[in-house]
Protein backbone atom coordinates (compact mmCIF):
# COMPACT_ATOMS: atom_id res chain seq x y z
CA MET A 1 -4.20 18.29 11.31
CA LYS A 2 -7.41 16.38 12.46
CA VAL A 3 -6.27 13.93 15.77
CA LYS A 4 -7.10 9.95 14.69
CA ILE A 5 -9.85 8.69 16.48
CA VAL A 6 -10.02 5.35 17.72
CA LYS A 7 -12.91 3.23 16.31
CA ILE A 8 -12.92 -0.35 17.06
CA SER A 9 -15.58 -2.81 15.54
CA VAL A 10 -15.45 -5.55 13.54
CA MET A 11 -14.19 -4.22 10.55
CA LEU A 12 -11.30 -2.56 12.56
CA LEU A 13 -10.53 -5.86 14.33
CA LEU A 14 -10.11 -7.79 11.01
CA GLY A 15 -8.81 -5.05 8.79
CA SER A 16 -5.78 -4.54 11.19
CA SER A 17 -4.68 -8.03 10.81
CA LEU A 18 -5.71 -8.64 7.18
CA ALA A 19 -4.27 -6.02 6.19
CA LEU A 20 -0.87 -7.66 6.74
CA VAL A 21 0.30 -10.56 4.62
CA ALA A 22 3.48 -13.15 4.81
CA SER A 23 5.58 -13.75 1.76
CA ASP A 24 5.61 -17.34 1.81
CA GLN A 25 1.50 -17.35 1.98
CA ILE A 26 1.26 -15.40 -1.44
CA LYS A 27 2.91 -16.37 -4.74
CA LEU A 28 2.54 -13.45 -7.18
CA TYR A 29 4.11 -14.92 -10.17
CA GLY A 30 4.39 -18.84 -11.53
CA VAL A 31 8.10 -18.79 -11.47
CA LYS A 32 10.46 -18.22 -8.39
CA SER A 33 12.70 -15.37 -10.11
CA GLY A 34 13.41 -13.46 -13.24
CA LYS A 35 14.73 -10.66 -15.00
CA ILE A 36 12.72 -8.57 -17.48
CA GLU A 37 14.09 -5.38 -19.49
CA TYR A 38 11.01 -3.51 -21.38
CA SER A 39 10.69 -0.84 -24.06
CA ILE A 40 8.33 1.81 -23.56
CA ARG A 41 6.59 4.16 -26.31
CA GLY A 42 3.75 6.16 -26.04
CA SER A 43 2.11 9.05 -28.19
CA GLY A 44 -1.16 10.76 -28.82
CA ASN A 45 -3.31 14.10 -28.65
CA ILE A 46 -5.15 15.05 -26.37
CA MET A 47 -7.64 18.43 -25.91
CA GLY A 48 -4.94 19.84 -28.25
CA GLN A 49 -2.07 18.74 -26.57
CA THR A 50 0.49 16.14 -28.65
CA ILE A 51 2.45 14.06 -26.06
CA GLN A 52 5.35 11.40 -26.97
CA THR A 53 6.75 9.48 -24.43
CA ILE A 54 10.22 6.85 -24.84
CA GLY A 55 11.70 4.94 -22.47
CA LYS A 56 12.75 1.69 -20.72
CA LYS A 57 12.13 -0.43 -17.84
CA ARG A 58 13.82 -3.35 -16.03
CA VAL A 59 12.47 -5.53 -13.54
CA ILE A 60 14.31 -8.15 -11.45
CA PHE A 61 12.01 -10.27 -8.74
CA ASP A 62 12.82 -13.31 -6.64
CA ASP A 63 10.95 -15.85 -4.40
CA TYR A 64 8.02 -15.78 -6.72
CA GLY A 65 7.32 -11.89 -6.26
CA ALA A 66 7.72 -10.99 -2.54
CA LYS A 67 11.42 -9.33 -3.33
CA ASN A 68 10.71 -7.10 -6.74
CA LEU A 69 12.65 -4.54 -7.96
CA THR A 70 11.63 -2.53 -10.65
CA GLU A 71 13.51 0.86 -12.13
CA GLU A 72 11.81 3.01 -15.08
CA SER A 73 13.34 6.19 -16.94
CA LYS A 74 11.71 8.03 -19.34
CA VAL A 75 11.39 11.05 -21.16
CA GLU A 76 8.11 12.48 -22.13
CA LYS A 77 8.12 15.41 -24.69
CA GLN A 78 4.79 17.60 -24.65
CA VAL A 79 3.59 20.55 -27.17
CA ILE A 80 0.87 22.82 -25.99
CA MET A 81 -0.09 25.42 -28.27
CA GLY A 82 3.51 25.07 -30.04
CA GLN A 83 5.47 25.10 -26.68
CA LYS A 84 7.66 22.52 -26.01
CA LYS A 85 7.95 21.00 -22.68
CA ILE A 86 10.05 18.06 -22.03
CA THR A 87 10.08 15.85 -18.92
CA LYS A 88 12.38 13.26 -17.64
CA MET A 89 11.58 10.68 -14.93
CA HIS A 90 13.61 8.12 -13.27
CA SER A 91 12.87 6.04 -10.07
CA ILE A 92 13.44 2.74 -8.32
CA THR A 93 10.39 0.98 -6.43
CA TYR A 94 11.71 -1.81 -4.22
CA MET A 95 9.58 -4.27 -2.69
CA ASN A 96 11.01 -6.75 0.04
CA GLU A 97 8.14 -8.44 1.17
CA GLY A 98 6.16 -6.22 3.39
CA MET A 99 8.30 -3.34 3.42
CA LEU A 100 8.71 -0.73 0.14
CA TYR A 101 11.09 1.40 -0.82
CA THR A 102 11.11 4.30 -3.44
CA ALA A 103 14.15 5.80 -4.60
CA ASP A 104 13.58 9.72 -5.84
CA PHE A 105 16.39 10.44 -8.28
CA GLY A 106 15.01 14.18 -8.55
CA LYS A 107 15.41 14.39 -4.28
CA LYS A 108 18.00 12.12 -4.36
CA ARG A 109 16.61 9.93 -1.22
CA ILE A 110 14.93 6.67 -0.24
CA THR A 111 11.38 6.74 1.07
CA ARG A 112 10.69 3.46 3.46
CA MET A 113 7.30 2.25 4.17
CA GLU A 114 4.97 -0.28 4.54
CA ASN A 115 3.65 -2.18 1.71
CA MET A 116 -0.08 -1.52 0.88
CA GLY A 117 0.22 -3.27 -2.34
CA MET A 118 1.22 -6.57 -0.79
CA ALA A 119 -1.52 -5.77 2.09
CA MET A 120 -4.47 -5.43 -0.59
CA ALA A 121 -3.13 -8.59 -2.48
CA GLY A 122 -3.22 -10.35 1.17
CA MET A 123 -6.87 -9.43 1.52
CA MET A 124 -8.03 -10.20 -1.70
CA GLY A 125 -6.01 -13.44 -2.48
CA GLY A 126 -6.55 -14.57 1.07
CA GLY A 127 -3.33 -16.48 0.79
CA LYS A 128 -4.10 -18.07 -2.66
CA ASN A 129 -2.01 -17.95 -5.86
CA MET A 130 -2.13 -14.98 -6.58
CA GLN A 131 -2.32 -15.28 -10.77
CA GLN A 132 -5.67 -17.14 -9.72
CA THR A 133 -7.06 -14.30 -7.94
CA GLY A 134 -5.64 -11.39 -10.82
CA GLU A 135 -7.47 -13.58 -13.09
CA LYS A 136 -10.64 -13.71 -11.33
CA MET A 137 -10.29 -10.05 -10.76
CA MET A 138 -10.29 -9.30 -13.99
CA LYS A 139 -13.61 -11.19 -15.24
CA GLN A 140 -15.33 -9.36 -12.75
CA MET A 141 -14.46 -6.39 -14.04
CA GLY A 142 -15.06 -7.27 -17.36
CA GLY A 143 -12.28 -8.60 -19.00
CA LYS A 144 -11.99 -11.11 -21.28
CA LYS A 145 -9.05 -14.07 -22.17
CA THR A 146 -9.14 -13.75 -26.09
CA GLY A 147 -6.13 -16.17 -26.78
CA THR A 148 -2.38 -16.77 -26.49
CA ASP A 149 0.78 -15.11 -27.99
CA LYS A 150 4.06 -15.25 -27.82
CA VAL A 151 6.71 -13.05 -26.66
CA LEU A 152 10.81 -13.96 -26.79
CA GLY A 153 9.35 -17.83 -27.43
CA TYR A 154 7.21 -17.60 -23.97
CA THR A 155 3.52 -18.22 -24.58
CA CYS A 156 1.81 -16.03 -22.94
CA ASP A 157 -2.25 -15.20 -22.27
CA VAL A 158 -3.79 -12.58 -24.17
CA TRP A 159 -6.18 -10.28 -21.82
CA GLU A 160 -8.19 -7.46 -23.10
CA LEU A 161 -9.75 -4.87 -20.55
CA MET A 162 -10.99 -1.58 -21.12
CA GLY A 163 -8.80 -0.50 -23.58
CA THR A 164 -5.71 -2.23 -22.55
CA LYS A 165 -4.22 -5.67 -24.34
CA GLN A 166 -2.11 -7.63 -21.81
CA CYS A 167 0.21 -10.67 -22.32
CA ILE A 168 0.74 -12.45 -19.21
CA TYR A 169 2.83 -15.55 -18.49
CA LYS A 170 2.62 -17.31 -15.45
CA GLY A 171 1.16 -13.78 -13.59
CA ILE A 172 3.77 -11.69 -15.34
CA THR A 173 3.06 -9.20 -18.03
CA LEU A 174 5.53 -9.25 -21.30
CA SER A 175 3.66 -6.78 -23.47
CA LEU A 176 1.01 -4.04 -22.67
CA GLU A 177 -0.72 -1.88 -25.12
CA SER A 178 -3.57 0.50 -24.67
CA ASN A 179 -5.72 3.29 -26.05
CA ILE A 180 -6.78 5.31 -23.79
CA MET A 181 -8.29 8.76 -24.41
CA GLY A 182 -6.22 9.25 -27.75
CA ILE A 183 -3.22 8.48 -25.74
CA LYS A 184 -1.98 5.07 -27.13
CA THR A 185 1.24 3.46 -25.47
CA ARG A 186 3.55 0.03 -25.90
CA GLU A 187 5.34 -1.52 -22.97
CA VAL A 188 7.09 -4.67 -24.06
CA ALA A 189 9.59 -7.17 -23.10
CA THR A 190 13.08 -7.46 -25.24
CA LYS A 191 14.78 -9.49 -22.68
CA ALA A 192 13.82 -12.09 -20.16
CA ALA A 193 14.91 -14.95 -18.23
CA PHE A 194 13.21 -16.95 -15.59
CA ASP A 195 14.47 -19.29 -12.78
CA ILE A 196 17.82 -17.98 -12.59
CA PRO A 197 20.31 -17.19 -9.69
CA LEU A 198 20.24 -13.62 -7.85
CA SER A 199 22.25 -12.24 -5.27
CA LYS A 200 21.86 -9.14 -3.24
CA GLU A 201 23.78 -6.92 -5.76
CA ASP A 202 20.66 -7.28 -8.27
CA PHE A 203 18.65 -5.30 -5.65
CA LYS A 204 21.18 -2.61 -4.82
CA LEU A 205 19.28 0.50 -4.67
CA PRO A 206 21.48 3.97 -5.20
CA ASP A 207 23.54 5.80 -2.66
CA PHE A 208 20.85 8.12 -0.84
CA PRO A 209 19.95 8.59 2.27
CA VAL A 210 16.86 6.88 3.56
CA TYR A 211 13.65 7.93 5.61
CA ASP A 212 10.66 6.74 6.98
CA MET A 213 7.18 8.13 6.08
CA TYR A 214 7.53 10.75 8.70
CA GLY A 215 10.71 11.97 7.54
CA GLN A 216 12.77 10.64 9.88
CA LYS A 217 16.06 9.66 8.69
CA LEU A 218 17.27 5.92 9.15
CA ASP A 219 20.72 4.18 9.59
CA LYS A 220 21.22 1.95 6.34
CA GLY A 221 23.28 -0.14 8.40
CA SER A 222 19.91 -1.37 10.09
CA LEU A 223 17.41 -1.33 7.45
CA ALA A 224 18.08 -5.29 6.86
CA HIS A 225 17.62 -6.28 10.68
CA MET A 226 14.53 -3.61 10.97
CA ASP A 227 12.97 -5.52 7.51
CA SER A 228 13.31 -9.03 9.07
CA GLN A 229 11.53 -7.89 12.26
CA GLN A 230 8.52 -6.05 10.48
CA ASN A 231 8.26 -9.11 8.35
CA ALA A 232 8.21 -11.40 11.12
CA ALA A 233 5.42 -9.20 12.93
CA MET A 234 3.54 -9.09 9.86
CA SER A 235 3.68 -12.90 9.09
CA GLN A 236 2.45 -13.22 12.75
CA GLU A 237 -0.30 -10.87 12.64
CA MET A 238 -1.41 -12.40 9.33
CA ALA A 239 -1.56 -15.46 10.62
CA ASP A 240 -3.54 -13.72 13.86
CA GLY A 241 -5.88 -12.65 11.20
CA GLN A 242 -6.89 -15.51 9.58
CA LYS A 243 -7.80 -17.07 12.83
CA ALA A 244 -9.90 -13.91 13.53
CA ALA A 245 -11.23 -13.93 9.77
CA GLU A 246 -12.37 -17.61 10.26
CA ALA A 247 -14.10 -17.42 13.73
CA ALA A 248 -15.91 -14.29 12.20
CA MET A 249 -17.16 -16.18 9.60
CA ASP A 250 -17.99 -18.85 11.27
CA ALA A 251 -20.12 -17.22 13.49
CA LEU A 252 -21.40 -15.36 10.77
CA GLN A 253 -22.78 -18.61 9.52
CA LYS A 254 -24.14 -20.08 12.54
CA SER A 255 -26.18 -17.01 13.25
CA GLY A 256 -28.47 -18.24 9.79
CA PHE A 257 -26.91 -15.62 7.62
CA ASP A 258 -27.69 -16.44 4.01
CA MET A 259 -24.04 -16.62 2.54
CA ASN A 260 -24.77 -17.22 -0.99
CA ASN A 261 -27.38 -13.97 -1.01
CA PRO A 262 -25.55 -10.97 -2.44
CA ASN A 263 -27.91 -8.65 -1.12
CA ALA A 264 -28.31 -10.01 2.37
CA LYS A 265 -27.41 -7.42 5.45
CA VAL A 266 -25.73 -8.38 8.49
CA SER A 267 -27.66 -7.58 11.55
CA LYS A 268 -26.64 -5.87 14.30
CA ALA A 269 -26.98 -9.20 16.27
CA GLN A 270 -25.05 -10.95 13.90
CA GLU A 271 -22.30 -7.91 13.91
CA GLU A 272 -21.96 -8.41 17.88
CA ALA A 273 -21.70 -12.60 17.54
CA MET A 274 -18.67 -11.86 14.94
CA GLN A 275 -16.94 -9.57 17.17
CA LYS A 276 -17.51 -11.65 20.43
CA ALA A 277 -15.95 -14.37 18.04
CA VAL A 278 -13.15 -12.23 16.84
CA ILE A 279 -12.50 -10.72 20.23
CA ALA A 280 -11.78 -14.33 21.32
CA ALA A 281 -9.91 -15.23 18.46
CA MET A 282 -7.50 -12.55 18.55
CA GLY A 283 -7.00 -13.71 22.62
CA GLY A 284 -9.53 -11.83 24.48
CA GLU A 285 -10.67 -8.21 25.22
CA LYS A 286 -8.07 -6.88 27.12
CA ALA A 287 -5.14 -8.14 25.05
CA ILE A 288 -6.90 -6.38 22.06
CA VAL A 289 -7.19 -2.93 24.47
CA GLU A 290 -3.20 -3.47 25.49
CA GLN A 291 -2.25 -3.83 21.59
CA GLU A 292 -4.23 -0.73 20.91
CA LYS A 293 -3.17 1.40 23.86
CA GLN A 294 0.44 0.69 22.84
CA LYS A 295 0.02 2.09 19.34
CA ILE A 296 -1.48 4.98 20.58
CA TYR A 297 1.59 5.55 22.93
CA VAL A 298 3.88 5.60 20.04
CA GLU A 299 1.88 8.33 18.45
CA MET A 300 1.81 10.07 21.70
CA LYS A 301 5.84 9.94 21.84
CA LYS A 302 5.80 12.05 18.54
CA LEU A 303 3.34 14.66 20.21
CA PRO A 304 5.94 17.19 21.24
CA GLU A 305 8.09 17.24 17.88
CA ILE A 306 4.88 17.50 15.92
CA LYS A 307 3.58 20.36 18.33
CA LYS A 308 6.25 22.58 18.06
CA CYS A 309 6.48 22.15 14.12
CA TYR A 310 3.13 23.46 13.78
CA ALA A 311 4.14 26.22 16.35
CA ASN A 312 6.62 27.54 14.19
CA ALA A 313 4.66 27.28 10.94
CA ASN A 314 4.09 30.94 9.68
CA THR A 315 3.00 29.96 6.43
CA ALA A 316 0.49 27.59 4.76
CA ALA A 317 3.24 25.86 3.20
CA GLN A 318 5.37 25.33 6.61
CA ALA A 319 1.92 23.98 7.84
CA ASN A 320 1.64 21.81 4.67
CA ALA A 321 5.33 20.33 5.26
CA CYS A 322 4.52 19.42 9.28
CA GLU A 323 1.46 17.36 7.30
CA GLU A 324 3.42 15.69 5.23
CA LYS A 325 5.78 14.86 7.53
CA TYR A 326 3.64 13.10 10.55
CA ASN A 327 0.21 12.51 8.95
CA SER A 328 1.68 11.29 5.69
CA GLU A 329 -1.18 8.76 5.39
CA TYR A 330 -3.87 11.42 5.18
CA PRO A 331 -2.45 15.18 5.06
CA GLU A 332 -4.95 18.09 4.67
CA HIS A 333 -3.50 20.69 2.80
CA TYR A 334 -3.88 24.34 4.40
CA THR A 335 -4.62 27.30 1.46
CA VAL A 336 -5.34 29.63 4.67
CA TRP A 337 -2.71 29.66 7.94
CA ASN A 338 -3.30 31.99 10.33
CA ASP A 339 -3.23 32.49 14.08
CA ARG A 340 -6.76 31.25 14.20
CA LYS A 341 -5.77 27.96 12.34
CA LYS A 342 -2.83 27.63 14.27
CA ARG A 343 -4.55 27.56 17.16
CA GLU A 344 -7.12 25.19 16.15
CA VAL A 345 -4.47 22.68 15.18
CA LEU A 346 -2.92 23.05 18.31
CA ARG A 347 -5.89 22.72 20.10
CA ASP A 348 -6.69 19.62 18.95
CA LEU A 349 -3.23 18.28 19.57
CA ASP A 350 -3.45 19.35 23.08
CA GLN A 351 -7.14 17.40 23.42
CA PHE A 352 -5.39 14.09 21.84
CA GLU A 353 -2.82 14.37 24.44
CA ASN A 354 -5.44 14.98 27.60
CA VAL A 355 -7.18 11.58 26.82
CA LEU A 356 -4.00 9.86 28.42
CA PRO A 357 -5.69 9.64 31.71
CA CYS A 358 -8.31 8.12 30.60
CA MET A 359 -6.86 5.34 28.29
CA GLU A 360 -4.67 4.32 31.24
CA LYS A 361 -7.30 3.29 32.90
CA ALA A 362 -9.78 2.00 30.18
CA GLU A 363 -9.94 -2.32 30.53
CA THR A 364 -12.71 -2.77 27.79
CA ILE A 365 -13.14 -1.66 24.29
CA ASN A 366 -15.86 0.68 24.49
CA ALA A 367 -14.12 2.46 27.75
CA LEU A 368 -11.24 2.85 25.36
CA GLN A 369 -12.95 4.02 22.42
CA SER A 370 -15.15 6.73 25.14
CA CYS A 371 -11.76 8.32 25.89
CA PHE A 372 -11.53 9.83 21.84
CA PRO A 373 -13.73 12.64 21.09
CA GLN A 374 -16.28 11.77 18.53
CA GLU A 375 -16.29 14.01 15.16
């Protein structure tokens, strides 16, 4: 397990705030609410393997897409050298602004995590209407708007891109056809209703236990309060991030950087000017250092439990289970696990724990960064 190293730069300062987005700043769709049902069909032959897929999907959304539940159920039949294999897939994904819940019907459990898809939308969209941002991105990728069509009476724009053809109504895909590597897929809406009243029951998840991304079981009764608190915090951080981004861009422009030249490179002096502007916009260096310290303290509280898990791991599978639980964002996958590897991992964790005295004394960004060994 590699210990995370604190690297504080202009991109980190901007990214840590810009990666969070408030639902009132982004509209994924051009209608407030909706319920849609789809049929799914697929077939094809790839490298001698025949594949057939049949299924259905339903999408329910509110607040212009800030709340969105998608349930998909499919059966896939594969024939390989005369051998048949049938795979059943059933999943539910529920997005509640900045939080994401995924229901695994096989394991009968729900995982709760931060919604990185919404975060990316915030960074790419910059708070704009995501319909406009999506169309701009499709054009940049070579997509073309080829006309209009109707699905269930709704007029939608037809877009073609990289072997796919979509009919999009106010940001919502009502039909999708693809032909990629010999596999043809068609997904089309069979029922749709928009701008309709919805209730909590519409977004109800299966009665499975809920875990966070570290494998810790969560109290279901506290989830609504937790989501509300975290979404509010995300909203504030997004507002702070926008302020920091504006300050950085203003500093870059004043430095003489050619904003219209796509090949222009930011000099070291310009990067330093941006960093100073960002630090000032985020409340000063002292405030940033304290924020980073608090994040590290949270990680350190888990260390005894993490060390115990690795110390008790006697096989690669057990070590990988520890990785998945405590380092789920960038887990390593051990193929060899022996006493030497175990000692290395525990040594790295001890090294992380031993930076505490240095970290507590640090009052500047550079001082805090110097507490952590560089790779």
